[in-house]
All heavy atoms as atom14 arrays in JSON, in Angstrom:
{
  "sequence": "IQGGLDPKILLTDRENLKKEAKKYLEVFREHPYIFNLGHGVLPD",
  "atom14_mask": [
    [1, 1, 1, 1, 1, 1, 1, 1, 0, 0, 0, 0, 0, 0],
    [1, 1, 1, 1, 1, 1, 1, 1, 1, 0, 0, 0, 0, 0],
    [1, 1, 1, 1, 0, 0, 0, 0, 0, 0, 0, 0, 0, 0],
    [1, 1, 1, 1, 0, 0, 0, 0, 0, 0, 0, 0, 0, 0],
    [1, 1, 1, 1, 1, 1, 1, 1, 0, 0, 0, 0, 0, 0],
    [1, 1, 1, 1, 1, 1, 1, 1, 0, 0, 0, 0, 0, 0],
    [1, 1, 1, 1, 1, 1, 1, 0, 0, 0, 0, 0, 0, 0],
    [1, 1, 1, 1, 1, 1, 1, 1, 1, 0, 0, 0, 0, 0],
    [1, 1, 1, 1, 1, 1, 1, 1, 0, 0, 0, 0, 0, 0],
    [1, 1, 1, 1, 1, 1, 1, 1, 0, 0, 0, 0, 0, 0],
    [1, 1, 1, 1, 1, 1, 1, 1, 0, 0, 0, 0, 0, 0],
    [1, 1, 1, 1, 1, 1, 1, 0, 0, 0, 0, 0, 0, 0],
    [1, 1, 1, 1, 1, 1, 1, 1, 0, 0, 0, 0, 0, 0],
    [1, 1, 1, 1, 1, 1, 1, 1, 1, 1, 1, 0, 0, 0],
    [1, 1, 1, 1, 1, 1, 1, 1, 1, 0, 0, 0, 0, 0],
    [1, 1, 1, 1, 1, 1, 1, 1, 0, 0, 0, 0, 0, 0],
    [1, 1, 1, 1, 1, 1, 1, 1, 0, 0, 0, 0, 0, 0],
    [1, 1, 1, 1, 1, 1, 1, 1, 1, 0, 0, 0, 0, 0],
    [1, 1, 1, 1, 1, 1, 1, 1, 1, 0, 0, 0, 0, 0],
    [1, 1, 1, 1, 1, 1, 1, 1, 1, 0, 0, 0, 0, 0],
    [1, 1, 1, 1, 1, 0, 0, 0, 0, 0, 0, 0, 0, 0],
    [1, 1, 1, 1, 1, 1, 1, 1, 1, 0, 0, 0, 0, 0],
    [1, 1, 1, 1, 1, 1, 1, 1, 1, 0, 0, 0, 0, 0],
    [1, 1, 1, 1, 1, 1, 1, 1, 1, 1, 1, 1, 0, 0],
    [1, 1, 1, 1, 1, 1, 1, 1, 0, 0, 0, 0, 0, 0],
    [1, 1, 1, 1, 1, 1, 1, 1, 1, 0, 0, 0, 0, 0],
    [1, 1, 1, 1, 1, 1, 1, 0, 0, 0, 0, 0, 0, 0],
    [1, 1, 1, 1, 1, 1, 1, 1, 1, 1, 1, 0, 0, 0],
    [1, 1, 1, 1, 1, 1, 1, 1, 1, 1, 1, 0, 0, 0],
    [1, 1, 1, 1, 1, 1, 1, 1, 1, 0, 0, 0, 0, 0],
    [1, 1, 1, 1, 1, 1, 1, 1, 1, 1, 0, 0, 0, 0],
    [1, 1, 1, 1, 1, 1, 1, 0, 0, 0, 0, 0, 0, 0],
    [1, 1, 1, 1, 1, 1, 1, 1, 1, 1, 1, 1, 0, 0],
    [1, 1, 1, 1, 1, 1, 1, 1, 0, 0, 0, 0, 0, 0],
    [1, 1, 1, 1, 1, 1, 1, 1, 1, 1, 1, 0, 0, 0],
    [1, 1, 1, 1, 1, 1, 1, 1, 0, 0, 0, 0, 0, 0],
    [1, 1, 1, 1, 1, 1, 1, 1, 0, 0, 0, 0, 0, 0],
    [1, 1, 1, 1, 0, 0, 0, 0, 0, 0, 0, 0, 0, 0],
    [1, 1, 1, 1, 1, 1, 1, 1, 1, 1, 0, 0, 0, 0],
    [1, 1, 1, 1, 0, 0, 0, 0, 0, 0, 0, 0, 0, 0],
    [1, 1, 1, 1, 1, 1, 1, 0, 0, 0, 0, 0, 0, 0],
    [1, 1, 1, 1, 1, 1, 1, 1, 0, 0, 0, 0, 0, 0],
    [1, 1, 1, 1, 1, 1, 1, 0, 0, 0, 0, 0, 0, 0],
    [1, 1, 1, 1, 1, 1, 1, 1, 0, 0, 0, 0, 0, 0]
  ],
  "atom14_positions": [
    [[3.46, -8.43, -2.89], [3.32, -7.11, -2.28], [1.94, -6.78, -1.88], [0.95, -7.13, -2.57], [3.95, -5.93, -3.26], [5.42, -6.17, -3.53], [3.59, -4.59, -2.68], [5.91, -5.41, -4.62], [0.0, 0.0, 0.0], [0.0, 0.0, 0.0], [0.0, 0.0, 0.0], [0.0, 0.0, 0.0], [0.0, 0.0, 0.0], [0.0, 0.0, 0.0]],
    [[1.75, -6.08, -0.78], [0.36, -5.7, -0.25], [0.38, -4.21, 0.04], [1.37, -3.71, 0.55], [0.14, -6.53, 1.0], [-1.17, -6.07, 1.74], [-1.47, -7.05, 2.91], [-1.94, -8.07, 2.71], [-1.27, -6.44, 4.11], [0.0, 0.0, 0.0], [0.0, 0.0, 0.0], [0.0, 0.0, 0.0], [0.0, 0.0, 0.0], [0.0, 0.0, 0.0]],
    [[-0.8, -3.67, -0.31], [-1.01, -2.31, 0.2], [-0.44, -1.13, -0.58], [-0.18, -1.25, -1.76], [0.0, 0.0, 0.0], [0.0, 0.0, 0.0], [0.0, 0.0, 0.0], [0.0, 0.0, 0.0], [0.0, 0.0, 0.0], [0.0, 0.0, 0.0], [0.0, 0.0, 0.0], [0.0, 0.0, 0.0], [0.0, 0.0, 0.0], [0.0, 0.0, 0.0]],
    [[-0.4, -0.01, 0.02], [0.11, 1.3, -0.55], [-0.87, 2.41, -0.76], [-0.41, 3.55, -0.6], [0.0, 0.0, 0.0], [0.0, 0.0, 0.0], [0.0, 0.0, 0.0], [0.0, 0.0, 0.0], [0.0, 0.0, 0.0], [0.0, 0.0, 0.0], [0.0, 0.0, 0.0], [0.0, 0.0, 0.0], [0.0, 0.0, 0.0], [0.0, 0.0, 0.0]],
    [[-2.1, 2.15, -0.96], [-3.07, 3.3, -1.21], [-3.13, 4.2, -0.01], [-3.41, 3.66, 1.14], [-4.36, 2.74, -1.69], [-5.42, 3.85, -2.08], [-5.1, 4.35, -3.48], [-6.84, 3.23, -2.1], [0.0, 0.0, 0.0], [0.0, 0.0, 0.0], [0.0, 0.0, 0.0], [0.0, 0.0, 0.0], [0.0, 0.0, 0.0], [0.0, 0.0, 0.0]],
    [[-3.11, 5.45, -0.22], [-3.22, 6.41, 0.96], [-4.69, 6.31, 1.42], [-5.68, 6.61, 0.68], [-2.94, 7.75, 0.48], [-2.88, 8.86, 1.62], [-3.44, 8.58, 2.66], [-2.2, 9.88, 1.42], [0.0, 0.0, 0.0], [0.0, 0.0, 0.0], [0.0, 0.0, 0.0], [0.0, 0.0, 0.0], [0.0, 0.0, 0.0], [0.0, 0.0, 0.0]],
    [[-4.92, 6.04, 2.7], [-6.25, 5.98, 3.23], [-7.1, 7.32, 2.98], [-8.3, 7.24, 3.01], [-6.1, 5.74, 4.75], [-4.72, 5.15, 4.92], [-3.92, 5.84, 3.71], [0.0, 0.0, 0.0], [0.0, 0.0, 0.0], [0.0, 0.0, 0.0], [0.0, 0.0, 0.0], [0.0, 0.0, 0.0], [0.0, 0.0, 0.0], [0.0, 0.0, 0.0]],
    [[-6.39, 8.41, 2.8], [-7.13, 9.72, 2.67], [-7.87, 9.75, 1.31], [-8.81, 10.4, 1.23], [-6.18, 10.96, 2.77], [-5.64, 11.03, 4.26], [-4.97, 12.42, 4.4], [-3.58, 12.38, 3.84], [-2.61, 11.58, 4.48], [0.0, 0.0, 0.0], [0.0, 0.0, 0.0], [0.0, 0.0, 0.0], [0.0, 0.0, 0.0], [0.0, 0.0, 0.0]],
    [[-7.46, 8.83, 0.33], [-8.11, 8.78, -0.92], [-9.57, 8.36, -0.77], [-10.44, 8.72, -1.47], [-7.32, 7.82, -1.87], [-5.87, 8.25, -2.09], [-8.15, 7.64, -3.17], [-5.76, 9.49, -2.85], [0.0, 0.0, 0.0], [0.0, 0.0, 0.0], [0.0, 0.0, 0.0], [0.0, 0.0, 0.0], [0.0, 0.0, 0.0], [0.0, 0.0, 0.0]],
    [[-9.75, 7.6, 0.29], [-11.21, 7.14, 0.61], [-12.0, 8.29, 1.13], [-13.24, 8.19, 1.28], [-11.17, 5.98, 1.57], [-10.7, 4.6, 1.13], [-10.34, 3.74, 2.09], [-11.95, 4.01, 0.18], [0.0, 0.0, 0.0], [0.0, 0.0, 0.0], [0.0, 0.0, 0.0], [0.0, 0.0, 0.0], [0.0, 0.0, 0.0], [0.0, 0.0, 0.0]],
    [[-11.39, 9.4, 1.47], [-12.19, 10.56, 1.87], [-12.52, 11.48, 0.81], [-13.15, 12.53, 0.94], [-11.38, 11.32, 3.02], [-10.88, 10.53, 4.23], [-10.18, 11.4, 5.16], [-12.14, 9.92, 4.96], [0.0, 0.0, 0.0], [0.0, 0.0, 0.0], [0.0, 0.0, 0.0], [0.0, 0.0, 0.0], [0.0, 0.0, 0.0], [0.0, 0.0, 0.0]],
    [[-12.11, 11.22, -0.46], [-12.31, 12.07, -1.6], [-13.62, 11.64, -2.42], [-14.65, 11.4, -1.68], [-11.14, 12.12, -2.56], [-10.91, 10.73, -3.09], [-9.86, 12.59, -1.87], [0.0, 0.0, 0.0], [0.0, 0.0, 0.0], [0.0, 0.0, 0.0], [0.0, 0.0, 0.0], [0.0, 0.0, 0.0], [0.0, 0.0, 0.0], [0.0, 0.0, 0.0]],
    [[-13.6, 11.52, -3.61], [-14.82, 11.05, -4.36], [-14.57, 9.87, -5.11], [-13.45, 9.33, -5.36], [-15.31, 12.21, -5.27], [-14.17, 12.67, -6.23], [-13.85, 11.87, -7.17], [-13.66, 13.72, -6.05], [0.0, 0.0, 0.0], [0.0, 0.0, 0.0], [0.0, 0.0, 0.0], [0.0, 0.0, 0.0], [0.0, 0.0, 0.0], [0.0, 0.0, 0.0]],
    [[-15.57, 9.34, -5.75], [-15.4, 7.93, -6.41], [-14.59, 7.98, -7.61], [-13.9, 7.06, -7.97], [-16.8, 7.32, -6.79], [-17.55, 6.88, -5.54], [-18.98, 6.39, -5.91], [-19.69, 5.94, -4.7], [-20.18, 6.69, -3.8], [-20.11, 7.98, -3.85], [-20.81, 6.11, -2.73], [0.0, 0.0, 0.0], [0.0, 0.0, 0.0], [0.0, 0.0, 0.0]],
    [[-14.66, 9.05, -8.32], [-13.76, 9.26, -9.62], [-12.29, 9.17, -9.18], [-11.44, 8.59, -9.82], [-14.12, 10.5, -10.43], [-15.26, 10.3, -11.29], [-15.21, 9.02, -12.17], [-14.25, 8.88, -12.9], [-16.15, 8.18, -12.05], [0.0, 0.0, 0.0], [0.0, 0.0, 0.0], [0.0, 0.0, 0.0], [0.0, 0.0, 0.0], [0.0, 0.0, 0.0]],
    [[-11.96, 10.01, -8.21], [-10.6, 10.01, -7.72], [-10.07, 8.67, -7.15], [-9.07, 8.2, -7.31], [-10.42, 11.17, -6.69], [-8.88, 11.34, -6.36], [-8.04, 11.53, -7.3], [-8.59, 11.38, -5.08], [0.0, 0.0, 0.0], [0.0, 0.0, 0.0], [0.0, 0.0, 0.0], [0.0, 0.0, 0.0], [0.0, 0.0, 0.0], [0.0, 0.0, 0.0]],
    [[-10.94, 8.12, -6.39], [-10.79, 6.75, -5.84], [-10.39, 5.75, -6.86], [-9.45, 4.98, -6.87], [-11.94, 6.25, -4.97], [-11.78, 4.88, -4.45], [-10.63, 4.71, -3.41], [-13.15, 4.44, -3.74], [0.0, 0.0, 0.0], [0.0, 0.0, 0.0], [0.0, 0.0, 0.0], [0.0, 0.0, 0.0], [0.0, 0.0, 0.0], [0.0, 0.0, 0.0]],
    [[-11.32, 5.74, -7.93], [-11.07, 4.84, -9.07], [-9.76, 5.02, -9.76], [-9.01, 4.08, -10.02], [-12.22, 5.0, -10.02], [-12.14, 3.95, -11.13], [-13.49, 4.08, -12.03], [-13.54, 3.03, -13.12], [-14.72, 3.11, -13.99], [0.0, 0.0, 0.0], [0.0, 0.0, 0.0], [0.0, 0.0, 0.0], [0.0, 0.0, 0.0], [0.0, 0.0, 0.0]],
    [[-9.41, 6.41, -10.11], [-8.11, 6.72, -10.61], [-6.91, 6.3, -9.83], [-6.04, 5.63, -10.38], [-8.05, 8.22, -10.88], [-6.82, 8.72, -11.56], [-6.76, 10.2, -11.7], [-6.38, 10.74, -10.35], [-6.21, 12.35, -10.33], [0.0, 0.0, 0.0], [0.0, 0.0, 0.0], [0.0, 0.0, 0.0], [0.0, 0.0, 0.0], [0.0, 0.0, 0.0]],
    [[-6.98, 6.48, -8.55], [-5.83, 6.23, -7.7], [-5.7, 4.63, -7.48], [-4.65, 4.07, -7.4], [-5.96, 6.87, -6.22], [-5.86, 8.39, -6.37], [-4.54, 8.8, -6.95], [-3.52, 8.16, -6.63], [-4.55, 9.82, -7.63], [0.0, 0.0, 0.0], [0.0, 0.0, 0.0], [0.0, 0.0, 0.0], [0.0, 0.0, 0.0], [0.0, 0.0, 0.0]],
    [[-6.82, 4.02, -7.34], [-6.89, 2.55, -7.11], [-6.25, 1.87, -8.41], [-5.5, 0.84, -8.24], [-8.06, 1.87, -6.79], [0.0, 0.0, 0.0], [0.0, 0.0, 0.0], [0.0, 0.0, 0.0], [0.0, 0.0, 0.0], [0.0, 0.0, 0.0], [0.0, 0.0, 0.0], [0.0, 0.0, 0.0], [0.0, 0.0, 0.0], [0.0, 0.0, 0.0]],
    [[-6.68, 2.33, -9.48], [-6.26, 1.69, -10.84], [-4.76, 1.94, -11.04], [-4.16, 1.1, -11.76], [-7.17, 2.23, -11.95], [-8.47, 1.81, -12.03], [-9.15, 1.83, -13.3], [-10.39, 0.88, -13.26], [-11.01, 0.7, -14.61], [0.0, 0.0, 0.0], [0.0, 0.0, 0.0], [0.0, 0.0, 0.0], [0.0, 0.0, 0.0], [0.0, 0.0, 0.0]],
    [[-4.14, 2.91, -10.43], [-2.69, 3.11, -10.57], [-1.99, 1.93, -10.03], [-1.1, 1.41, -10.56], [-2.26, 4.41, -9.88], [-2.49, 5.66, -10.66], [-1.9, 6.83, -9.74], [-2.3, 8.18, -10.24], [-1.86, 9.2, -9.33], [0.0, 0.0, 0.0], [0.0, 0.0, 0.0], [0.0, 0.0, 0.0], [0.0, 0.0, 0.0], [0.0, 0.0, 0.0]],
    [[-2.42, 1.51, -8.81], [-1.84, 0.34, -8.16], [-2.12, -0.97, -8.93], [-1.26, -1.85, -9.09], [-2.34, 0.2, -6.72], [-1.64, 1.31, -5.7], [-2.15, 2.51, -5.61], [-0.51, 0.89, -5.1], [-1.42, 3.41, -4.77], [0.08, 1.82, -4.27], [-0.31, 3.08, -4.2], [0.32, 3.97, -3.38], [0.0, 0.0, 0.0], [0.0, 0.0, 0.0]],
    [[-3.39, -1.13, -9.33], [-3.71, -2.28, -10.09], [-3.0, -2.47, -11.34], [-2.55, -3.59, -11.76], [-5.34, -2.4, -10.41], [-6.04, -2.46, -9.12], [-7.59, -2.14, -9.48], [-6.06, -3.87, -8.48], [0.0, 0.0, 0.0], [0.0, 0.0, 0.0], [0.0, 0.0, 0.0], [0.0, 0.0, 0.0], [0.0, 0.0, 0.0], [0.0, 0.0, 0.0]],
    [[-2.61, -1.36, -11.99], [-1.88, -1.32, -13.31], [-0.46, -1.58, -12.97], [0.16, -2.44, -13.63], [-2.07, -0.01, -13.96], [-1.34, 0.06, -15.29], [-1.77, -1.01, -16.26], [-2.9, -1.43, -16.34], [-0.77, -1.45, -17.01], [0.0, 0.0, 0.0], [0.0, 0.0, 0.0], [0.0, 0.0, 0.0], [0.0, 0.0, 0.0], [0.0, 0.0, 0.0]],
    [[0.05, -1.03, -11.98], [1.55, -1.24, -11.66], [1.81, -2.64, -11.29], [2.9, -3.24, -11.68], [2.0, -0.32, -10.54], [3.4, -0.76, -9.99], [2.08, 1.23, -10.88], [0.0, 0.0, 0.0], [0.0, 0.0, 0.0], [0.0, 0.0, 0.0], [0.0, 0.0, 0.0], [0.0, 0.0, 0.0], [0.0, 0.0, 0.0], [0.0, 0.0, 0.0]],
    [[0.88, -3.27, -10.55], [1.07, -4.67, -10.12], [0.34, -5.65, -10.85], [0.02, -6.77, -10.43], [0.65, -4.76, -8.57], [1.48, -3.87, -7.72], [0.95, -2.88, -6.98], [2.84, -4.28, -7.45], [1.82, -2.07, -6.15], [3.65, -3.5, -6.57], [3.16, -2.37, -5.99], [0.0, 0.0, 0.0], [0.0, 0.0, 0.0], [0.0, 0.0, 0.0]],
    [[-0.01, -5.31, -12.19], [-0.79, -6.16, -13.03], [-0.16, -7.59, -13.24], [-0.71, -8.58, -13.17], [-1.03, -5.48, -14.34], [-2.0, -6.28, -15.33], [-2.54, -5.38, -16.4], [-1.46, -4.54, -17.0], [-0.74, -4.96, -18.04], [-0.91, -5.98, -18.55], [0.15, -4.17, -18.6], [0.0, 0.0, 0.0], [0.0, 0.0, 0.0], [0.0, 0.0, 0.0]],
    [[1.16, -7.49, -13.38], [1.97, -8.72, -13.56], [2.66, -9.23, -12.36], [3.56, -10.03, -12.46], [3.02, -8.57, -14.74], [2.47, -7.97, -16.0], [1.59, -9.01, -16.8], [1.8, -10.2, -16.52], [0.72, -8.64, -17.51], [0.0, 0.0, 0.0], [0.0, 0.0, 0.0], [0.0, 0.0, 0.0], [0.0, 0.0, 0.0], [0.0, 0.0, 0.0]],
    [[2.25, -8.76, -11.27], [3.06, -9.02, -10.05], [2.04, -9.58, -9.02], [0.96, -9.08, -8.87], [3.69, -7.8, -9.41], [4.68, -7.91, -8.39], [6.01, -8.11, -8.62], [4.61, -8.26, -7.05], [6.7, -8.49, -7.48], [5.79, -8.5, -6.52], [0.0, 0.0, 0.0], [0.0, 0.0, 0.0], [0.0, 0.0, 0.0], [0.0, 0.0, 0.0]],
    [[2.35, -10.55, -8.16], [1.38, -10.98, -7.14], [1.23, -9.8, -6.07], [2.15, -9.27, -5.48], [2.17, -12.12, -6.42], [3.62, -12.17, -6.9], [3.64, -11.36, -8.18], [0.0, 0.0, 0.0], [0.0, 0.0, 0.0], [0.0, 0.0, 0.0], [0.0, 0.0, 0.0], [0.0, 0.0, 0.0], [0.0, 0.0, 0.0], [0.0, 0.0, 0.0]],
    [[-0.08, -9.47, -6.06], [-0.4, -8.23, -5.28], [-1.75, -8.4, -4.43], [-2.68, -8.94, -4.95], [-0.54, -7.14, -6.25], [-0.86, -5.8, -5.56], [-0.09, -5.13, -4.71], [-2.16, -5.1, -5.89], [-0.36, -3.93, -4.04], [-2.52, -3.9, -5.28], [-1.65, -3.27, -4.35], [-1.99, -2.14, -3.83], [0.0, 0.0, 0.0], [0.0, 0.0, 0.0]],
    [[-1.72, -7.9, -3.26], [-2.9, -7.98, -2.31], [-3.22, -6.53, -2.14], [-2.54, -5.76, -1.63], [-2.6, -8.6, -1.07], [-2.22, -10.09, -1.23], [-3.78, -8.54, -0.01], [-1.37, -10.68, -0.05], [0.0, 0.0, 0.0], [0.0, 0.0, 0.0], [0.0, 0.0, 0.0], [0.0, 0.0, 0.0], [0.0, 0.0, 0.0], [0.0, 0.0, 0.0]],
    [[-4.57, -6.13, -2.61], [-4.93, -4.82, -2.51], [-5.15, -4.46, -0.97], [-5.92, -5.2, -0.33], [-6.16, -4.4, -3.28], [-6.29, -3.01, -3.67], [-5.81, -2.5, -4.92], [-6.59, -2.0, -2.69], [-5.83, -1.25, -5.25], [-6.68, -0.63, -3.05], [-6.18, -0.29, -4.28], [0.0, 0.0, 0.0], [0.0, 0.0, 0.0], [0.0, 0.0, 0.0]],
    [[-4.54, -3.31, -0.57], [-4.81, -2.95, 0.85], [-4.38, -1.37, 0.87], [-4.01, -0.84, -0.1], [-3.97, -3.82, 1.75], [-4.51, -3.84, 3.27], [-4.97, -2.74, 3.81], [-4.6, -5.0, 3.75], [0.0, 0.0, 0.0], [0.0, 0.0, 0.0], [0.0, 0.0, 0.0], [0.0, 0.0, 0.0], [0.0, 0.0, 0.0], [0.0, 0.0, 0.0]],
    [[-4.31, -0.83, 1.97], [-3.91, 0.57, 2.27], [-2.53, 0.71, 2.71], [-1.95, -0.32, 3.03], [-4.94, 1.17, 3.15], [-6.31, 1.05, 2.81], [-7.25, 1.84, 3.96], [-6.6, 1.83, 1.55], [0.0, 0.0, 0.0], [0.0, 0.0, 0.0], [0.0, 0.0, 0.0], [0.0, 0.0, 0.0], [0.0, 0.0, 0.0], [0.0, 0.0, 0.0]],
    [[-1.98, 1.82, 2.73], [-0.73, 2.25, 3.22], [-0.74, 2.42, 4.75], [0.3, 2.67, 5.35], [0.0, 0.0, 0.0], [0.0, 0.0, 0.0], [0.0, 0.0, 0.0], [0.0, 0.0, 0.0], [0.0, 0.0, 0.0], [0.0, 0.0, 0.0], [0.0, 0.0, 0.0], [0.0, 0.0, 0.0], [0.0, 0.0, 0.0], [0.0, 0.0, 0.0]],
    [[-1.89, 2.21, 5.41], [-2.16, 2.42, 6.69], [-3.7, 2.15, 7.05], [-4.31, 1.7, 5.98], [-1.84, 3.81, 7.37], [-1.52, 3.89, 8.8], [-1.23, 2.83, 9.48], [-1.51, 4.99, 9.64], [-0.97, 3.15, 10.75], [-1.15, 4.47, 10.8], [0.0, 0.0, 0.0], [0.0, 0.0, 0.0], [0.0, 0.0, 0.0], [0.0, 0.0, 0.0]],
    [[-4.19, 2.27, 8.2], [-5.53, 1.76, 8.42], [-6.57, 2.68, 7.95], [-6.39, 3.83, 7.67], [0.0, 0.0, 0.0], [0.0, 0.0, 0.0], [0.0, 0.0, 0.0], [0.0, 0.0, 0.0], [0.0, 0.0, 0.0], [0.0, 0.0, 0.0], [0.0, 0.0, 0.0], [0.0, 0.0, 0.0], [0.0, 0.0, 0.0], [0.0, 0.0, 0.0]],
    [[-7.82, 2.13, 7.83], [-8.98, 2.93, 7.29], [-9.21, 4.09, 8.41], [-9.17, 3.8, 9.64], [-10.24, 2.08, 7.28], [-11.53, 2.86, 6.91], [-10.08, 0.88, 6.38], [0.0, 0.0, 0.0], [0.0, 0.0, 0.0], [0.0, 0.0, 0.0], [0.0, 0.0, 0.0], [0.0, 0.0, 0.0], [0.0, 0.0, 0.0], [0.0, 0.0, 0.0]],
    [[-9.45, 5.28, 7.89], [-9.59, 6.38, 8.75], [-11.08, 6.46, 9.29], [-12.05, 6.01, 8.56], [-9.42, 7.74, 8.03], [-7.87, 7.84, 7.59], [-7.72, 9.03, 6.59], [-6.94, 8.19, 8.82], [0.0, 0.0, 0.0], [0.0, 0.0, 0.0], [0.0, 0.0, 0.0], [0.0, 0.0, 0.0], [0.0, 0.0, 0.0], [0.0, 0.0, 0.0]],
    [[-11.29, 6.98, 10.47], [-12.7, 6.91, 11.17], [-13.68, 7.69, 10.27], [-14.93, 7.24, 10.36], [-12.39, 7.73, 12.52], [-10.99, 7.59, 12.76], [-10.31, 7.46, 11.42], [0.0, 0.0, 0.0], [0.0, 0.0, 0.0], [0.0, 0.0, 0.0], [0.0, 0.0, 0.0], [0.0, 0.0, 0.0], [0.0, 0.0, 0.0], [0.0, 0.0, 0.0]],
    [[-13.39, 8.75, 9.57], [-14.39, 9.51, 8.77], [-14.7, 8.91, 7.37], [-15.43, 9.49, 6.58], [-13.82, 10.91, 8.62], [-13.73, 11.68, 9.87], [-14.36, 11.31, 10.96], [-12.9, 12.65, 9.85], [0.0, 0.0, 0.0], [0.0, 0.0, 0.0], [0.0, 0.0, 0.0], [0.0, 0.0, 0.0], [0.0, 0.0, 0.0], [0.0, 0.0, 0.0]]
  ]
}
């Protein structure tokens, strides 16, 4: 599985980014996973 993180999370702050990214890393800890977003990087 690849992706999933909401690109808008990258518009918040580092603490929130860490919390949200770790959710995906934990869920897919035992599963083959490629970290990516649920859509493209936003211009801002």
